[in-house]
């Protein structure tokens, strides 16, 4: 479901390794989380095209620690409703993937689905420079910029042309963004 009538909502960014509770945060370095209206989060996860997709390659077991960077990045993507990652073969495409189940999910329940957008390596490089800058200017604790302040950037183009224009957003995401100022 696409977001109708683009609004000028608030945006912040933070490094993935500080935004996500994880036993070994160094494994998540180079990733970012962008918060939209403080309620919707898009994770920007470094290239892992050598190991995924397919996304079901890694089996994550409760109480078994994740010890490799590849597994940590796949895990971060598989627990995120919305993700962006660099993949030169799949650049420009989008797919829905099964998310990892919550702790109390019934074993026979259908998995929740997340959305992954793939970008090429040049776009990824440009996005990470902008995301690093945005991390220095904003925080999830009350320091935001409006979407219009990002006009013309790679991040603004991604958010407006890919994320907000996607028909893969959940109805609750669209409703939250509709309520933006």
N, C-alpha and C. Protein backbone atom coordinates (compact mmCIF):
# COMPACT_ATOMS: atom_id res chain seq x y z
N UNK A 1 0.85 -1.16 0.00
CA UNK A 1 0.00 0.00 0.00
C UNK A 1 0.90 1.23 0.00
N UNK A 2 0.73 2.08 -0.98
CA UNK A 2 1.54 3.29 -1.11
C UNK A 2 1.05 4.38 -0.16
N UNK A 3 1.95 5.26 0.21
CA UNK A 3 1.59 6.38 1.07
C UNK A 3 1.01 7.49 0.19
N UNK A 4 -0.26 7.82 0.37
CA UNK A 4 -0.84 8.91 -0.41
C UNK A 4 -0.45 10.26 0.17
N UNK A 5 -0.44 11.27 -0.66
CA UNK A 5 -0.21 12.64 -0.21
C UNK A 5 1.02 12.75 0.69
N UNK A 6 2.17 12.75 0.06
CA UNK A 6 3.43 12.81 0.77
C UNK A 6 3.43 13.91 1.82
N UNK A 7 3.82 13.55 3.02
CA UNK A 7 3.88 14.49 4.14
C UNK A 7 5.32 14.75 4.51
N UNK A 8 5.55 15.79 5.25
CA UNK A 8 6.90 16.17 5.66
C UNK A 8 7.17 15.64 7.07
N UNK A 9 7.34 14.34 7.19
CA UNK A 9 7.53 13.75 8.50
C UNK A 9 8.95 13.89 9.00
N UNK A 10 9.16 13.56 10.27
CA UNK A 10 10.45 13.70 10.91
C UNK A 10 11.32 12.46 10.68
N UNK A 11 12.63 12.69 10.56
CA UNK A 11 13.58 11.63 10.23
C UNK A 11 14.77 11.72 11.18
N UNK A 12 15.27 10.57 11.61
CA UNK A 12 16.54 10.52 12.34
C UNK A 12 17.29 9.26 11.90
N UNK A 13 18.57 9.22 12.21
CA UNK A 13 19.37 8.03 11.89
C UNK A 13 20.31 7.74 13.05
N UNK A 14 20.66 6.48 13.18
CA UNK A 14 21.65 6.06 14.16
C UNK A 14 22.35 4.81 13.65
N UNK A 15 23.58 4.57 14.11
CA UNK A 15 24.28 3.37 13.69
C UNK A 15 23.53 2.11 14.14
N UNK A 16 23.49 1.12 13.29
CA UNK A 16 22.80 -0.13 13.60
C UNK A 16 23.35 -0.77 14.87
N UNK A 17 24.67 -0.73 15.05
CA UNK A 17 25.26 -1.40 16.20
C UNK A 17 24.93 -0.73 17.53
N UNK A 18 24.43 0.50 17.51
CA UNK A 18 23.99 1.12 18.76
C UNK A 18 22.47 1.11 18.87
N UNK A 19 21.76 0.89 17.78
CA UNK A 19 20.30 0.92 17.78
C UNK A 19 19.68 -0.42 18.14
N UNK A 20 20.44 -1.50 17.95
CA UNK A 20 19.89 -2.84 18.11
C UNK A 20 20.57 -3.53 19.29
N UNK A 21 19.78 -4.10 20.18
CA UNK A 21 20.35 -4.87 21.29
C UNK A 21 20.93 -6.17 20.73
N UNK A 22 22.23 -6.32 20.87
CA UNK A 22 22.91 -7.47 20.28
C UNK A 22 24.15 -7.77 21.12
N UNK A 23 24.44 -9.04 21.34
CA UNK A 23 25.56 -9.43 22.20
C UNK A 23 26.91 -8.93 21.71
N UNK A 24 27.11 -8.89 20.41
CA UNK A 24 28.38 -8.44 19.86
C UNK A 24 28.10 -7.36 18.81
N UNK A 25 27.85 -6.11 19.26
CA UNK A 25 27.44 -5.05 18.33
C UNK A 25 28.46 -4.73 17.25
N UNK A 26 29.72 -5.04 17.46
CA UNK A 26 30.75 -4.77 16.45
C UNK A 26 30.45 -5.52 15.15
N UNK A 27 29.76 -6.65 15.23
CA UNK A 27 29.41 -7.42 14.03
C UNK A 27 28.42 -6.67 13.14
N UNK A 28 27.74 -5.67 13.70
CA UNK A 28 26.73 -4.91 12.94
C UNK A 28 27.26 -3.57 12.43
N UNK A 29 28.56 -3.32 12.57
CA UNK A 29 29.13 -2.04 12.14
C UNK A 29 28.89 -1.83 10.64
N UNK A 30 28.77 -0.56 10.29
CA UNK A 30 28.55 -0.22 8.89
C UNK A 30 27.10 -0.20 8.47
N UNK A 31 26.20 -0.56 9.40
CA UNK A 31 24.77 -0.50 9.12
C UNK A 31 24.14 0.68 9.84
N UNK A 32 22.94 1.04 9.43
CA UNK A 32 22.24 2.19 10.00
C UNK A 32 20.77 1.88 10.15
N UNK A 33 20.13 2.63 11.03
CA UNK A 33 18.69 2.58 11.18
C UNK A 33 18.17 3.99 10.96
N UNK A 34 17.18 4.11 10.08
CA UNK A 34 16.53 5.39 9.84
C UNK A 34 15.13 5.31 10.43
N UNK A 35 14.83 6.25 11.32
CA UNK A 35 13.52 6.31 11.94
C UNK A 35 12.67 7.35 11.23
N UNK A 36 11.47 6.97 10.89
CA UNK A 36 10.51 7.86 10.24
C UNK A 36 9.37 8.10 11.21
N UNK A 37 9.18 9.34 11.58
CA UNK A 37 8.13 9.73 12.51
C UNK A 37 8.26 8.99 13.85
N UNK A 38 9.46 8.58 14.20
CA UNK A 38 9.77 7.89 15.46
C UNK A 38 9.00 6.59 15.68
N UNK A 39 8.42 6.05 14.61
CA UNK A 39 7.64 4.81 14.78
C UNK A 39 7.90 3.78 13.69
N UNK A 40 8.49 4.19 12.60
CA UNK A 40 8.76 3.28 11.49
C UNK A 40 10.26 3.28 11.28
N UNK A 41 10.82 2.09 11.15
CA UNK A 41 12.27 1.98 11.06
C UNK A 41 12.66 1.20 9.81
N UNK A 42 13.65 1.76 9.11
CA UNK A 42 14.22 1.11 7.93
C UNK A 42 15.69 0.85 8.25
N UNK A 43 16.09 -0.40 8.14
CA UNK A 43 17.49 -0.74 8.41
C UNK A 43 18.27 -0.76 7.10
N UNK A 44 19.42 -0.15 7.14
CA UNK A 44 20.34 -0.15 6.01
C UNK A 44 21.48 -1.08 6.41
N UNK A 45 21.55 -2.23 5.75
CA UNK A 45 22.44 -3.30 6.17
C UNK A 45 23.49 -3.55 5.10
N UNK A 46 24.78 -3.56 5.48
CA UNK A 46 25.86 -3.74 4.49
C UNK A 46 25.69 -4.99 3.63
N UNK A 47 26.36 -4.97 2.50
CA UNK A 47 26.31 -6.05 1.51
C UNK A 47 26.61 -7.40 2.15
N UNK A 48 25.71 -8.31 1.92
CA UNK A 48 25.91 -9.69 2.36
C UNK A 48 25.58 -10.65 1.23
N UNK A 49 25.73 -10.15 -0.01
CA UNK A 49 25.32 -10.92 -1.19
C UNK A 49 26.10 -12.22 -1.38
N UNK A 50 27.25 -12.35 -0.71
CA UNK A 50 27.99 -13.61 -0.81
C UNK A 50 27.32 -14.73 -0.03
N UNK A 51 26.44 -14.38 0.92
CA UNK A 51 25.79 -15.41 1.73
C UNK A 51 24.27 -15.43 1.62
N UNK A 52 23.67 -14.35 1.15
CA UNK A 52 22.21 -14.31 1.06
C UNK A 52 21.80 -13.26 0.04
N UNK A 53 20.68 -13.38 -0.64
CA UNK A 53 19.71 -14.46 -0.51
C UNK A 53 20.23 -15.77 -1.10
N UNK A 54 19.62 -16.87 -0.79
CA UNK A 54 18.35 -17.04 -0.06
C UNK A 54 18.51 -16.73 1.42
N UNK A 55 17.44 -16.19 2.00
CA UNK A 55 17.47 -15.72 3.38
C UNK A 55 17.32 -16.83 4.40
N UNK A 56 16.91 -17.99 3.98
CA UNK A 56 16.72 -19.08 4.93
C UNK A 56 17.98 -19.92 5.10
N UNK A 57 19.10 -19.48 4.53
CA UNK A 57 20.37 -20.19 4.63
C UNK A 57 20.80 -20.37 6.08
N UNK A 58 20.67 -19.32 6.87
CA UNK A 58 21.08 -19.39 8.27
C UNK A 58 19.90 -19.83 9.12
N UNK A 59 20.15 -20.79 9.97
CA UNK A 59 19.16 -21.24 10.95
C UNK A 59 19.57 -20.64 12.29
N UNK A 60 18.67 -19.90 12.88
CA UNK A 60 18.96 -19.26 14.15
C UNK A 60 18.23 -20.02 15.25
N UNK A 61 19.00 -20.50 16.21
CA UNK A 61 18.45 -21.27 17.32
C UNK A 61 18.48 -20.44 18.59
N UNK A 62 17.42 -20.56 19.36
CA UNK A 62 17.35 -19.85 20.64
C UNK A 62 18.51 -20.29 21.52
N UNK A 63 19.11 -19.33 22.21
CA UNK A 63 20.20 -19.56 23.16
C UNK A 63 21.52 -19.99 22.51
N UNK A 64 21.63 -19.95 21.19
CA UNK A 64 22.92 -20.21 20.52
C UNK A 64 23.40 -18.87 19.99
N UNK A 65 24.53 -18.38 20.49
CA UNK A 65 24.99 -17.04 20.10
C UNK A 65 25.37 -16.94 18.62
N UNK A 66 25.15 -15.75 18.08
CA UNK A 66 25.55 -15.46 16.71
C UNK A 66 26.97 -14.93 16.78
N UNK A 67 27.90 -15.59 16.09
CA UNK A 67 29.30 -15.24 16.26
C UNK A 67 30.00 -14.75 15.01
N UNK A 68 29.34 -14.75 13.86
CA UNK A 68 29.99 -14.27 12.64
C UNK A 68 29.28 -13.03 12.13
N UNK A 69 30.03 -12.19 11.41
CA UNK A 69 29.45 -10.97 10.85
C UNK A 69 28.33 -11.31 9.86
N UNK A 70 28.55 -12.31 9.02
CA UNK A 70 27.53 -12.68 8.04
C UNK A 70 26.22 -13.07 8.73
N UNK A 71 26.32 -13.92 9.73
CA UNK A 71 25.12 -14.34 10.45
C UNK A 71 24.46 -13.17 11.15
N UNK A 72 25.26 -12.27 11.74
CA UNK A 72 24.70 -11.11 12.43
C UNK A 72 23.94 -10.20 11.46
N UNK A 73 24.49 -9.98 10.28
CA UNK A 73 23.81 -9.12 9.30
C UNK A 73 22.54 -9.77 8.79
N UNK A 74 22.58 -11.08 8.52
CA UNK A 74 21.36 -11.78 8.08
C UNK A 74 20.31 -11.71 9.19
N UNK A 75 20.73 -11.93 10.44
CA UNK A 75 19.80 -11.85 11.56
C UNK A 75 19.17 -10.45 11.63
N UNK A 76 19.99 -9.39 11.52
CA UNK A 76 19.48 -8.02 11.60
C UNK A 76 18.45 -7.75 10.52
N UNK A 77 18.65 -8.31 9.34
CA UNK A 77 17.70 -8.12 8.26
C UNK A 77 16.43 -8.95 8.50
N UNK A 78 16.58 -10.16 9.02
CA UNK A 78 15.44 -11.05 9.21
C UNK A 78 14.57 -10.71 10.41
N UNK A 79 14.96 -9.70 11.19
CA UNK A 79 14.11 -9.24 12.29
C UNK A 79 13.62 -7.81 12.03
N UNK A 80 13.75 -7.34 10.81
CA UNK A 80 13.37 -5.98 10.45
C UNK A 80 12.22 -5.97 9.45
N UNK A 81 11.21 -5.17 9.73
CA UNK A 81 10.09 -5.06 8.79
C UNK A 81 10.53 -4.50 7.44
N UNK A 82 11.47 -3.55 7.47
CA UNK A 82 11.93 -2.90 6.25
C UNK A 82 13.45 -2.79 6.26
N UNK A 83 14.08 -3.25 5.18
CA UNK A 83 15.54 -3.23 5.08
C UNK A 83 15.99 -2.83 3.69
N UNK A 84 17.20 -2.28 3.64
CA UNK A 84 17.86 -1.93 2.38
C UNK A 84 19.24 -2.56 2.46
N UNK A 85 19.69 -3.18 1.36
CA UNK A 85 21.03 -3.74 1.34
C UNK A 85 21.61 -3.64 -0.06
N UNK A 86 22.91 -3.63 -0.10
CA UNK A 86 23.62 -3.56 -1.38
C UNK A 86 23.72 -4.96 -1.98
N UNK A 87 23.36 -5.07 -3.26
CA UNK A 87 23.49 -6.33 -3.97
C UNK A 87 23.49 -5.99 -5.46
N UNK A 88 24.66 -6.07 -6.09
CA UNK A 88 24.78 -5.63 -7.48
C UNK A 88 23.94 -6.48 -8.43
N UNK A 89 23.72 -7.75 -8.14
CA UNK A 89 22.92 -8.61 -9.02
C UNK A 89 21.42 -8.32 -8.90
N UNK A 90 20.97 -7.91 -7.73
CA UNK A 90 19.54 -7.69 -7.50
C UNK A 90 19.17 -6.21 -7.41
N UNK A 91 20.12 -5.31 -7.67
CA UNK A 91 19.88 -3.88 -7.54
C UNK A 91 18.63 -3.46 -8.32
N UNK A 92 17.82 -2.64 -7.65
CA UNK A 92 16.60 -2.13 -8.27
C UNK A 92 15.39 -3.03 -8.04
N UNK A 93 15.58 -4.13 -7.34
CA UNK A 93 14.46 -5.03 -7.07
C UNK A 93 14.08 -4.96 -5.60
N UNK A 94 12.92 -5.51 -5.31
CA UNK A 94 12.39 -5.55 -3.95
C UNK A 94 11.77 -6.92 -3.75
N UNK A 95 11.88 -7.46 -2.54
CA UNK A 95 11.22 -8.73 -2.27
C UNK A 95 10.73 -8.79 -0.83
N UNK A 96 9.72 -9.63 -0.62
CA UNK A 96 9.25 -9.93 0.73
C UNK A 96 9.96 -11.19 1.19
N UNK A 97 10.39 -11.17 2.46
CA UNK A 97 11.09 -12.31 3.02
C UNK A 97 10.45 -12.71 4.35
N UNK A 98 10.55 -13.99 4.71
CA UNK A 98 10.01 -14.40 6.01
C UNK A 98 10.90 -13.88 7.14
N UNK A 99 10.26 -13.25 8.11
CA UNK A 99 11.00 -12.78 9.28
C UNK A 99 11.17 -13.92 10.28
N UNK A 100 12.15 -13.78 11.14
CA UNK A 100 12.32 -14.78 12.19
C UNK A 100 11.13 -14.69 13.14
N UNK A 101 10.68 -15.81 13.66
CA UNK A 101 9.51 -15.77 14.56
C UNK A 101 9.85 -15.11 15.89
N UNK A 102 8.83 -14.51 16.47
CA UNK A 102 8.96 -13.98 17.82
C UNK A 102 9.04 -15.14 18.79
N UNK A 103 9.50 -14.88 19.98
CA UNK A 103 9.69 -15.93 20.97
C UNK A 103 8.39 -16.71 21.24
N UNK A 104 7.25 -16.03 21.22
CA UNK A 104 6.00 -16.68 21.57
C UNK A 104 5.13 -17.03 20.36
N UNK A 105 5.72 -17.04 19.17
CA UNK A 105 4.98 -17.40 17.97
C UNK A 105 4.69 -18.89 17.98
N UNK A 106 3.47 -19.25 17.64
CA UNK A 106 3.11 -20.67 17.57
C UNK A 106 3.89 -21.33 16.43
N UNK A 107 4.35 -22.54 16.63
CA UNK A 107 5.18 -23.22 15.62
C UNK A 107 4.51 -23.37 14.25
N UNK A 108 3.20 -23.49 14.20
CA UNK A 108 2.50 -23.68 12.93
C UNK A 108 2.00 -22.38 12.30
N UNK A 109 2.33 -21.24 12.92
CA UNK A 109 1.87 -19.95 12.40
C UNK A 109 2.66 -19.56 11.15
N UNK A 110 1.98 -18.88 10.24
CA UNK A 110 2.67 -18.35 9.06
C UNK A 110 3.63 -17.26 9.52
N UNK A 111 4.81 -17.19 8.90
CA UNK A 111 5.78 -16.17 9.33
C UNK A 111 5.32 -14.77 8.91
N UNK A 112 5.68 -13.79 9.73
CA UNK A 112 5.51 -12.40 9.32
C UNK A 112 6.49 -12.15 8.19
N UNK A 113 6.17 -11.19 7.33
CA UNK A 113 7.04 -10.89 6.19
C UNK A 113 7.66 -9.51 6.33
N UNK A 114 8.91 -9.40 5.93
CA UNK A 114 9.60 -8.13 5.86
C UNK A 114 9.86 -7.79 4.40
N UNK A 115 10.23 -6.57 4.14
CA UNK A 115 10.50 -6.12 2.78
C UNK A 115 11.97 -5.73 2.68
N UNK A 116 12.63 -6.18 1.61
CA UNK A 116 14.02 -5.84 1.36
C UNK A 116 14.13 -5.13 0.02
N UNK A 117 14.77 -3.96 0.02
CA UNK A 117 15.09 -3.24 -1.21
C UNK A 117 16.57 -3.44 -1.47
N UNK A 118 16.91 -3.75 -2.72
CA UNK A 118 18.30 -3.94 -3.10
C UNK A 118 18.77 -2.72 -3.90
N UNK A 119 19.96 -2.23 -3.56
CA UNK A 119 20.56 -1.10 -4.27
C UNK A 119 21.93 -1.52 -4.78
N UNK A 120 22.43 -0.80 -5.80
CA UNK A 120 23.76 -1.14 -6.31
C UNK A 120 24.83 -0.56 -5.40
N UNK A 121 26.06 -0.95 -5.62
CA UNK A 121 27.15 -0.57 -4.72
C UNK A 121 27.41 0.94 -4.74
N UNK A 122 27.24 1.59 -5.89
CA UNK A 122 27.45 3.05 -5.96
C UNK A 122 26.38 3.77 -5.12
N UNK A 123 25.14 3.33 -5.24
CA UNK A 123 24.06 3.93 -4.46
C UNK A 123 24.29 3.67 -2.97
N UNK A 124 24.72 2.47 -2.63
CA UNK A 124 25.00 2.14 -1.24
C UNK A 124 26.08 3.06 -0.67
N UNK A 125 27.14 3.27 -1.43
CA UNK A 125 28.22 4.14 -0.97
C UNK A 125 27.72 5.55 -0.70
N UNK A 126 26.90 6.07 -1.62
CA UNK A 126 26.36 7.41 -1.44
C UNK A 126 25.42 7.47 -0.23
N UNK A 127 24.60 6.46 -0.08
CA UNK A 127 23.68 6.42 1.06
C UNK A 127 24.43 6.38 2.39
N UNK A 128 25.48 5.58 2.47
CA UNK A 128 26.19 5.46 3.75
C UNK A 128 26.89 6.77 4.15
N UNK A 129 27.38 7.51 3.17
CA UNK A 129 27.97 8.82 3.49
C UNK A 129 26.89 9.74 4.07
N UNK A 130 25.74 9.76 3.45
CA UNK A 130 24.64 10.60 3.93
C UNK A 130 24.11 10.12 5.28
N UNK A 131 24.03 8.82 5.46
CA UNK A 131 23.54 8.28 6.73
C UNK A 131 24.50 8.58 7.88
N UNK A 132 25.79 8.50 7.61
CA UNK A 132 26.78 8.84 8.63
C UNK A 132 26.62 10.31 9.03
N UNK A 133 26.44 11.19 8.05
CA UNK A 133 26.22 12.60 8.33
C UNK A 133 24.93 12.81 9.11
N UNK A 134 23.88 12.10 8.73
CA UNK A 134 22.60 12.24 9.43
C UNK A 134 22.70 11.74 10.87
N UNK A 135 23.49 10.71 11.11
CA UNK A 135 23.72 10.22 12.48
C UNK A 135 24.36 11.29 13.35
N UNK A 136 25.23 12.09 12.76
CA UNK A 136 25.89 13.16 13.51
C UNK A 136 24.95 14.32 13.82
N UNK A 137 23.90 14.47 13.02
CA UNK A 137 22.98 15.61 13.16
C UNK A 137 21.70 15.27 13.92
N UNK A 138 21.38 13.99 14.05
CA UNK A 138 20.09 13.60 14.62
C UNK A 138 20.27 12.50 15.66
N UNK A 139 19.18 12.22 16.37
CA UNK A 139 19.16 11.09 17.30
C UNK A 139 17.70 10.71 17.54
N UNK A 140 17.47 9.50 18.04
CA UNK A 140 16.09 9.11 18.33
C UNK A 140 15.53 9.78 19.58
N UNK A 141 16.34 10.59 20.24
CA UNK A 141 15.95 11.21 21.51
C UNK A 141 15.59 12.68 21.35
N UNK A 142 14.96 13.02 20.23
CA UNK A 142 14.45 14.37 20.06
C UNK A 142 15.18 15.26 19.09
N UNK A 143 16.18 14.76 18.43
CA UNK A 143 16.90 15.57 17.45
C UNK A 143 16.61 15.00 16.06
N UNK A 144 15.75 15.69 15.32
CA UNK A 144 15.28 15.20 14.03
C UNK A 144 15.50 16.24 12.94
N UNK A 145 15.36 15.80 11.70
CA UNK A 145 15.23 16.71 10.56
C UNK A 145 13.92 16.33 9.87
N UNK A 146 13.39 17.25 9.11
CA UNK A 146 12.19 16.91 8.34
C UNK A 146 12.62 16.31 7.00
N UNK A 147 11.75 15.53 6.43
CA UNK A 147 12.04 14.91 5.13
C UNK A 147 12.42 15.96 4.11
N UNK A 148 11.75 17.11 4.13
CA UNK A 148 12.04 18.16 3.14
C UNK A 148 13.46 18.70 3.26
N UNK A 149 14.07 18.61 4.44
CA UNK A 149 15.45 19.05 4.60
C UNK A 149 16.44 18.13 3.89
N UNK A 150 15.99 16.94 3.53
CA UNK A 150 16.84 15.97 2.82
C UNK A 150 16.66 16.03 1.31
N UNK A 151 15.80 16.91 0.82
CA UNK A 151 15.48 16.98 -0.61
C UNK A 151 16.75 17.01 -1.46
N UNK A 152 16.75 16.17 -2.48
CA UNK A 152 17.86 16.10 -3.42
C UNK A 152 18.94 15.11 -3.05
N UNK A 153 18.90 14.56 -1.84
CA UNK A 153 19.92 13.59 -1.43
C UNK A 153 19.54 12.19 -1.91
N UNK A 154 20.50 11.29 -1.85
CA UNK A 154 20.22 9.88 -2.20
C UNK A 154 19.20 9.29 -1.24
N UNK A 155 19.31 9.64 0.05
CA UNK A 155 18.36 9.13 1.04
C UNK A 155 16.94 9.62 0.74
N UNK A 156 16.80 10.90 0.44
CA UNK A 156 15.48 11.44 0.09
C UNK A 156 14.92 10.73 -1.13
N UNK A 157 15.75 10.53 -2.16
CA UNK A 157 15.28 9.83 -3.36
C UNK A 157 14.85 8.41 -3.04
N UNK A 158 15.65 7.71 -2.21
CA UNK A 158 15.25 6.35 -1.85
C UNK A 158 13.92 6.36 -1.09
N UNK A 159 13.82 7.22 -0.08
CA UNK A 159 12.60 7.24 0.73
C UNK A 159 11.37 7.60 -0.09
N UNK A 160 11.48 8.58 -0.98
CA UNK A 160 10.30 9.02 -1.74
C UNK A 160 10.00 8.12 -2.93
N UNK A 161 11.03 7.69 -3.65
CA UNK A 161 10.80 6.91 -4.88
C UNK A 161 10.66 5.42 -4.62
N UNK A 162 11.29 4.91 -3.58
CA UNK A 162 11.25 3.47 -3.33
C UNK A 162 10.37 3.12 -2.14
N UNK A 163 10.71 3.68 -0.98
CA UNK A 163 9.98 3.29 0.23
C UNK A 163 8.53 3.78 0.20
N UNK A 164 8.32 5.07 0.12
CA UNK A 164 6.97 5.62 0.18
C UNK A 164 6.12 5.24 -1.02
N UNK A 165 6.75 4.97 -2.15
CA UNK A 165 6.01 4.60 -3.36
C UNK A 165 5.75 3.09 -3.44
N UNK A 166 6.23 2.34 -2.47
CA UNK A 166 6.09 0.89 -2.51
C UNK A 166 4.66 0.45 -2.20
N UNK A 167 4.23 -0.58 -2.88
CA UNK A 167 2.94 -1.17 -2.56
C UNK A 167 3.10 -2.33 -1.58
N UNK A 168 4.30 -2.46 -1.01
CA UNK A 168 4.58 -3.54 -0.05
C UNK A 168 4.55 -3.07 1.40
N UNK A 169 4.23 -1.80 1.65
CA UNK A 169 4.15 -1.29 3.01
C UNK A 169 2.90 -1.84 3.68
N UNK A 170 2.99 -2.07 4.98
CA UNK A 170 1.81 -2.54 5.71
C UNK A 170 0.83 -1.40 5.89
N UNK A 171 -0.41 -1.75 6.12
CA UNK A 171 -1.43 -0.72 6.32
C UNK A 171 -1.13 0.11 7.57
N UNK A 172 -0.56 -0.49 8.60
CA UNK A 172 -0.23 0.29 9.81
C UNK A 172 0.90 1.29 9.53
N UNK A 173 1.85 0.93 8.68
CA UNK A 173 2.91 1.86 8.29
C UNK A 173 2.32 3.04 7.53
N UNK A 174 1.47 2.76 6.58
CA UNK A 174 0.84 3.82 5.79
C UNK A 174 0.02 4.73 6.69
N UNK A 175 -0.72 4.17 7.61
CA UNK A 175 -1.54 4.98 8.51
C UNK A 175 -0.67 5.88 9.39
N UNK A 176 0.43 5.35 9.90
CA UNK A 176 1.34 6.15 10.71
C UNK A 176 1.90 7.32 9.91
N UNK A 177 2.30 7.06 8.68
CA UNK A 177 2.85 8.13 7.84
C UNK A 177 1.79 9.12 7.40
N UNK A 178 0.57 8.67 7.24
CA UNK A 178 -0.54 9.58 6.90
C UNK A 178 -0.75 10.61 8.00
N UNK A 179 -0.47 10.22 9.23
CA UNK A 179 -0.70 11.10 10.36
C UNK A 179 0.44 12.09 10.59
N UNK A 180 1.47 12.00 9.76
CA UNK A 180 2.60 12.92 9.90
C UNK A 180 2.13 14.34 9.68
N UNK A 181 2.89 15.26 10.24
CA UNK A 181 2.50 16.67 10.13
C UNK A 181 2.59 17.18 8.72
